[in-house]
Amino acid sequence: MANNNNNQHDQDSLQQVIDFVKAYQWRVVGFLAFLIIAILFLTLGFWKTILIVLLCLIGIGIGYIKDRKQDFMNFLNRWS
């Protein structure tokens, strides 16, 4: 009986965490992203961290272009 109550409490706690993350999704994402950047600054230093962030942004940009190739081509056609 105690095991069943403990399991129910764990499920309630997990549901509360899920609800919190859903309610504050972008705040949580921003917090985690900048926490990682802060850890990189403290462990690697400023310039190495800037290089890592820059390369990650370039990778995101290339991935975006690959995902949205037709949208990107339409964008280029509008500018030319």
N, C-alpha and C. Protein backbone atom coordinates (compact mmCIF):
# COMPACT_ATOMS: atom_id res chain seq x y z
N MET A 1 0.82 -1.19 0.00
CA MET A 1 0.00 0.00 0.00
C MET A 1 0.87 1.26 0.00
N ALA A 2 1.93 1.25 0.77
CA ALA A 2 2.82 2.40 0.83
C ALA A 2 3.52 2.61 -0.51
N ASN A 3 3.84 1.52 -1.20
CA ASN A 3 4.49 1.61 -2.49
C ASN A 3 3.57 2.27 -3.52
N ASN A 4 2.29 1.96 -3.46
CA ASN A 4 1.32 2.54 -4.38
C ASN A 4 1.18 4.04 -4.14
N ASN A 5 1.14 4.46 -2.86
CA ASN A 5 1.06 5.88 -2.53
C ASN A 5 2.31 6.62 -2.98
N ASN A 6 3.47 6.00 -2.82
CA ASN A 6 4.73 6.61 -3.22
C ASN A 6 4.78 6.77 -4.74
N ASN A 7 4.30 5.76 -5.47
CA ASN A 7 4.26 5.82 -6.92
C ASN A 7 3.33 6.93 -7.39
N GLN A 8 2.18 7.08 -6.75
CA GLN A 8 1.24 8.14 -7.10
C GLN A 8 1.84 9.51 -6.83
N HIS A 9 2.58 9.65 -5.73
CA HIS A 9 3.24 10.91 -5.39
C HIS A 9 4.30 11.25 -6.44
N ASP A 10 5.04 10.25 -6.91
CA ASP A 10 6.06 10.46 -7.94
C ASP A 10 5.42 10.93 -9.24
N GLN A 11 4.27 10.33 -9.59
CA GLN A 11 3.57 10.73 -10.81
C GLN A 11 3.04 12.15 -10.70
N ASP A 12 2.52 12.52 -9.52
CA ASP A 12 2.04 13.88 -9.30
C ASP A 12 3.18 14.88 -9.40
N SER A 13 4.32 14.54 -8.82
CA SER A 13 5.48 15.42 -8.88
C SER A 13 5.96 15.59 -10.31
N LEU A 14 6.02 14.51 -11.06
CA LEU A 14 6.43 14.57 -12.46
C LEU A 14 5.45 15.42 -13.26
N GLN A 15 4.17 15.27 -13.01
CA GLN A 15 3.17 16.06 -13.72
C GLN A 15 3.31 17.55 -13.40
N GLN A 16 3.64 17.88 -12.15
CA GLN A 16 3.86 19.27 -11.78
C GLN A 16 5.06 19.85 -12.53
N VAL A 17 6.13 19.07 -12.66
CA VAL A 17 7.31 19.53 -13.39
C VAL A 17 6.95 19.74 -14.87
N ILE A 18 6.21 18.81 -15.45
CA ILE A 18 5.81 18.93 -16.85
C ILE A 18 4.94 20.16 -17.06
N ASP A 19 4.00 20.40 -16.16
CA ASP A 19 3.13 21.58 -16.26
C ASP A 19 3.94 22.86 -16.15
N PHE A 20 4.94 22.88 -15.24
CA PHE A 20 5.78 24.06 -15.07
C PHE A 20 6.57 24.33 -16.35
N VAL A 21 7.16 23.28 -16.93
CA VAL A 21 7.95 23.45 -18.14
C VAL A 21 7.07 23.92 -19.30
N LYS A 22 5.86 23.40 -19.40
CA LYS A 22 4.95 23.84 -20.45
C LYS A 22 4.56 25.31 -20.26
N ALA A 23 4.33 25.71 -19.02
CA ALA A 23 3.91 27.08 -18.75
C ALA A 23 5.02 28.08 -19.00
N TYR A 24 6.26 27.69 -18.71
CA TYR A 24 7.40 28.59 -18.83
C TYR A 24 8.43 28.03 -19.80
N GLN A 25 7.99 27.49 -20.92
CA GLN A 25 8.83 26.76 -21.86
C GLN A 25 10.05 27.57 -22.30
N TRP A 26 9.86 28.77 -22.80
CA TRP A 26 10.98 29.54 -23.35
C TRP A 26 11.87 30.09 -22.26
N ARG A 27 11.34 30.32 -21.08
CA ARG A 27 12.18 30.75 -19.97
C ARG A 27 13.11 29.61 -19.55
N VAL A 28 12.58 28.40 -19.54
CA VAL A 28 13.39 27.23 -19.18
C VAL A 28 14.46 27.00 -20.24
N VAL A 29 14.09 27.09 -21.51
CA VAL A 29 15.06 26.91 -22.59
C VAL A 29 16.15 27.98 -22.51
N GLY A 30 15.76 29.22 -22.31
CA GLY A 30 16.73 30.31 -22.18
C GLY A 30 17.65 30.12 -21.00
N PHE A 31 17.09 29.72 -19.88
CA PHE A 31 17.89 29.47 -18.68
C PHE A 31 18.92 28.39 -18.94
N LEU A 32 18.49 27.27 -19.53
CA LEU A 32 19.42 26.17 -19.77
C LEU A 32 20.50 26.55 -20.78
N ALA A 33 20.10 27.28 -21.83
CA ALA A 33 21.08 27.69 -22.84
C ALA A 33 22.14 28.59 -22.23
N PHE A 34 21.73 29.58 -21.45
CA PHE A 34 22.70 30.49 -20.87
C PHE A 34 23.46 29.87 -19.70
N LEU A 35 22.89 28.87 -19.07
CA LEU A 35 23.63 28.13 -18.06
C LEU A 35 24.79 27.38 -18.71
N ILE A 36 24.52 26.77 -19.85
CA ILE A 36 25.59 26.07 -20.58
C ILE A 36 26.65 27.05 -21.03
N ILE A 37 26.24 28.21 -21.56
CA ILE A 37 27.21 29.22 -21.99
C ILE A 37 28.03 29.71 -20.81
N ALA A 38 27.40 29.92 -19.67
CA ALA A 38 28.14 30.37 -18.48
C ALA A 38 29.17 29.33 -18.04
N ILE A 39 28.78 28.07 -18.08
CA ILE A 39 29.72 27.01 -17.70
C ILE A 39 30.90 26.98 -18.68
N LEU A 40 30.60 27.16 -19.98
CA LEU A 40 31.67 27.20 -20.97
C LEU A 40 32.60 28.38 -20.74
N PHE A 41 32.05 29.56 -20.43
CA PHE A 41 32.88 30.72 -20.12
C PHE A 41 33.82 30.42 -18.96
N LEU A 42 33.29 29.80 -17.93
CA LEU A 42 34.11 29.56 -16.74
C LEU A 42 35.15 28.47 -16.96
N THR A 43 34.86 27.49 -17.81
CA THR A 43 35.79 26.39 -17.98
C THR A 43 36.74 26.59 -19.16
N LEU A 44 36.26 27.17 -20.27
CA LEU A 44 37.08 27.30 -21.47
C LEU A 44 37.66 28.69 -21.67
N GLY A 45 36.98 29.68 -21.19
CA GLY A 45 37.41 31.05 -21.42
C GLY A 45 36.51 31.73 -22.44
N PHE A 46 36.74 33.03 -22.60
CA PHE A 46 35.86 33.87 -23.41
C PHE A 46 35.91 33.51 -24.89
N TRP A 47 37.11 33.54 -25.50
CA TRP A 47 37.22 33.38 -26.94
C TRP A 47 36.84 31.98 -27.42
N LYS A 48 37.21 30.97 -26.67
CA LYS A 48 36.83 29.61 -27.07
C LYS A 48 35.31 29.43 -27.00
N THR A 49 34.69 30.03 -26.00
CA THR A 49 33.24 29.96 -25.88
C THR A 49 32.56 30.71 -27.02
N ILE A 50 33.08 31.90 -27.36
CA ILE A 50 32.53 32.66 -28.47
C ILE A 50 32.63 31.87 -29.76
N LEU A 51 33.77 31.20 -29.97
CA LEU A 51 33.94 30.37 -31.17
C LEU A 51 32.92 29.24 -31.20
N ILE A 52 32.72 28.57 -30.08
CA ILE A 52 31.74 27.47 -30.03
C ILE A 52 30.34 27.99 -30.33
N VAL A 53 29.95 29.10 -29.72
CA VAL A 53 28.62 29.67 -29.95
C VAL A 53 28.47 30.07 -31.41
N LEU A 54 29.48 30.71 -31.97
CA LEU A 54 29.43 31.13 -33.37
C LEU A 54 29.28 29.93 -34.30
N LEU A 55 30.07 28.89 -34.07
CA LEU A 55 29.97 27.70 -34.91
C LEU A 55 28.61 27.01 -34.76
N CYS A 56 28.07 27.00 -33.57
CA CYS A 56 26.73 26.43 -33.36
C CYS A 56 25.68 27.23 -34.13
N LEU A 57 25.79 28.56 -34.10
CA LEU A 57 24.83 29.39 -34.83
C LEU A 57 24.95 29.17 -36.34
N ILE A 58 26.17 29.01 -36.83
CA ILE A 58 26.35 28.71 -38.25
C ILE A 58 25.71 27.37 -38.58
N GLY A 59 25.89 26.39 -37.72
CA GLY A 59 25.27 25.09 -37.93
C GLY A 59 23.76 25.16 -37.93
N ILE A 60 23.20 25.96 -37.03
CA ILE A 60 21.74 26.14 -37.01
C ILE A 60 21.28 26.79 -38.30
N GLY A 61 22.04 27.79 -38.77
CA GLY A 61 21.69 28.46 -40.02
C GLY A 61 21.73 27.52 -41.20
N ILE A 62 22.76 26.69 -41.29
CA ILE A 62 22.85 25.72 -42.39
C ILE A 62 21.71 24.72 -42.30
N GLY A 63 21.42 24.25 -41.11
CA GLY A 63 20.30 23.32 -40.93
C GLY A 63 18.98 23.95 -41.31
N TYR A 64 18.80 25.22 -40.96
CA TYR A 64 17.58 25.93 -41.33
C TYR A 64 17.45 26.03 -42.84
N ILE A 65 18.56 26.35 -43.50
CA ILE A 65 18.54 26.46 -44.96
C ILE A 65 18.20 25.11 -45.58
N LYS A 66 18.78 24.04 -45.06
CA LYS A 66 18.50 22.71 -45.60
C LYS A 66 17.05 22.32 -45.35
N ASP A 67 16.52 22.65 -44.17
CA ASP A 67 15.13 22.32 -43.84
C ASP A 67 14.15 23.12 -44.68
N ARG A 68 14.48 24.34 -44.93
CA ARG A 68 13.57 25.27 -45.62
C ARG A 68 14.15 25.71 -46.95
N LYS A 69 14.69 24.79 -47.72
CA LYS A 69 15.38 25.14 -48.94
C LYS A 69 14.47 25.93 -49.89
N GLN A 70 13.25 25.49 -50.08
CA GLN A 70 12.35 26.19 -51.00
C GLN A 70 12.00 27.57 -50.47
N ASP A 71 11.75 27.70 -49.17
CA ASP A 71 11.47 29.00 -48.58
C ASP A 71 12.65 29.93 -48.76
N PHE A 72 13.85 29.40 -48.57
CA PHE A 72 15.06 30.21 -48.72
C PHE A 72 15.24 30.64 -50.17
N MET A 73 14.96 29.74 -51.13
CA MET A 73 15.08 30.09 -52.54
C MET A 73 14.06 31.16 -52.92
N ASN A 74 12.86 31.06 -52.38
CA ASN A 74 11.85 32.10 -52.61
C ASN A 74 12.31 33.43 -52.04
N PHE A 75 12.92 33.40 -50.89
CA PHE A 75 13.44 34.61 -50.26
C PHE A 75 14.51 35.24 -51.15
N LEU A 76 15.43 34.43 -51.67
CA LEU A 76 16.48 34.94 -52.55
C LEU A 76 15.89 35.50 -53.84
N ASN A 77 14.89 34.84 -54.37
CA ASN A 77 14.26 35.32 -55.61
C ASN A 77 13.57 36.66 -55.41
N ARG A 78 13.01 36.88 -54.24
CA ARG A 78 12.37 38.17 -53.96
C ARG A 78 13.40 39.29 -53.89
N TRP A 79 14.62 38.99 -53.43
CA TRP A 79 15.65 40.02 -53.30
C TRP A 79 16.40 40.25 -54.60
N SER A 80 16.30 39.34 -55.54
CA SER A 80 17.06 39.54 -56.79
C SER A 80 16.17 40.06 -57.91
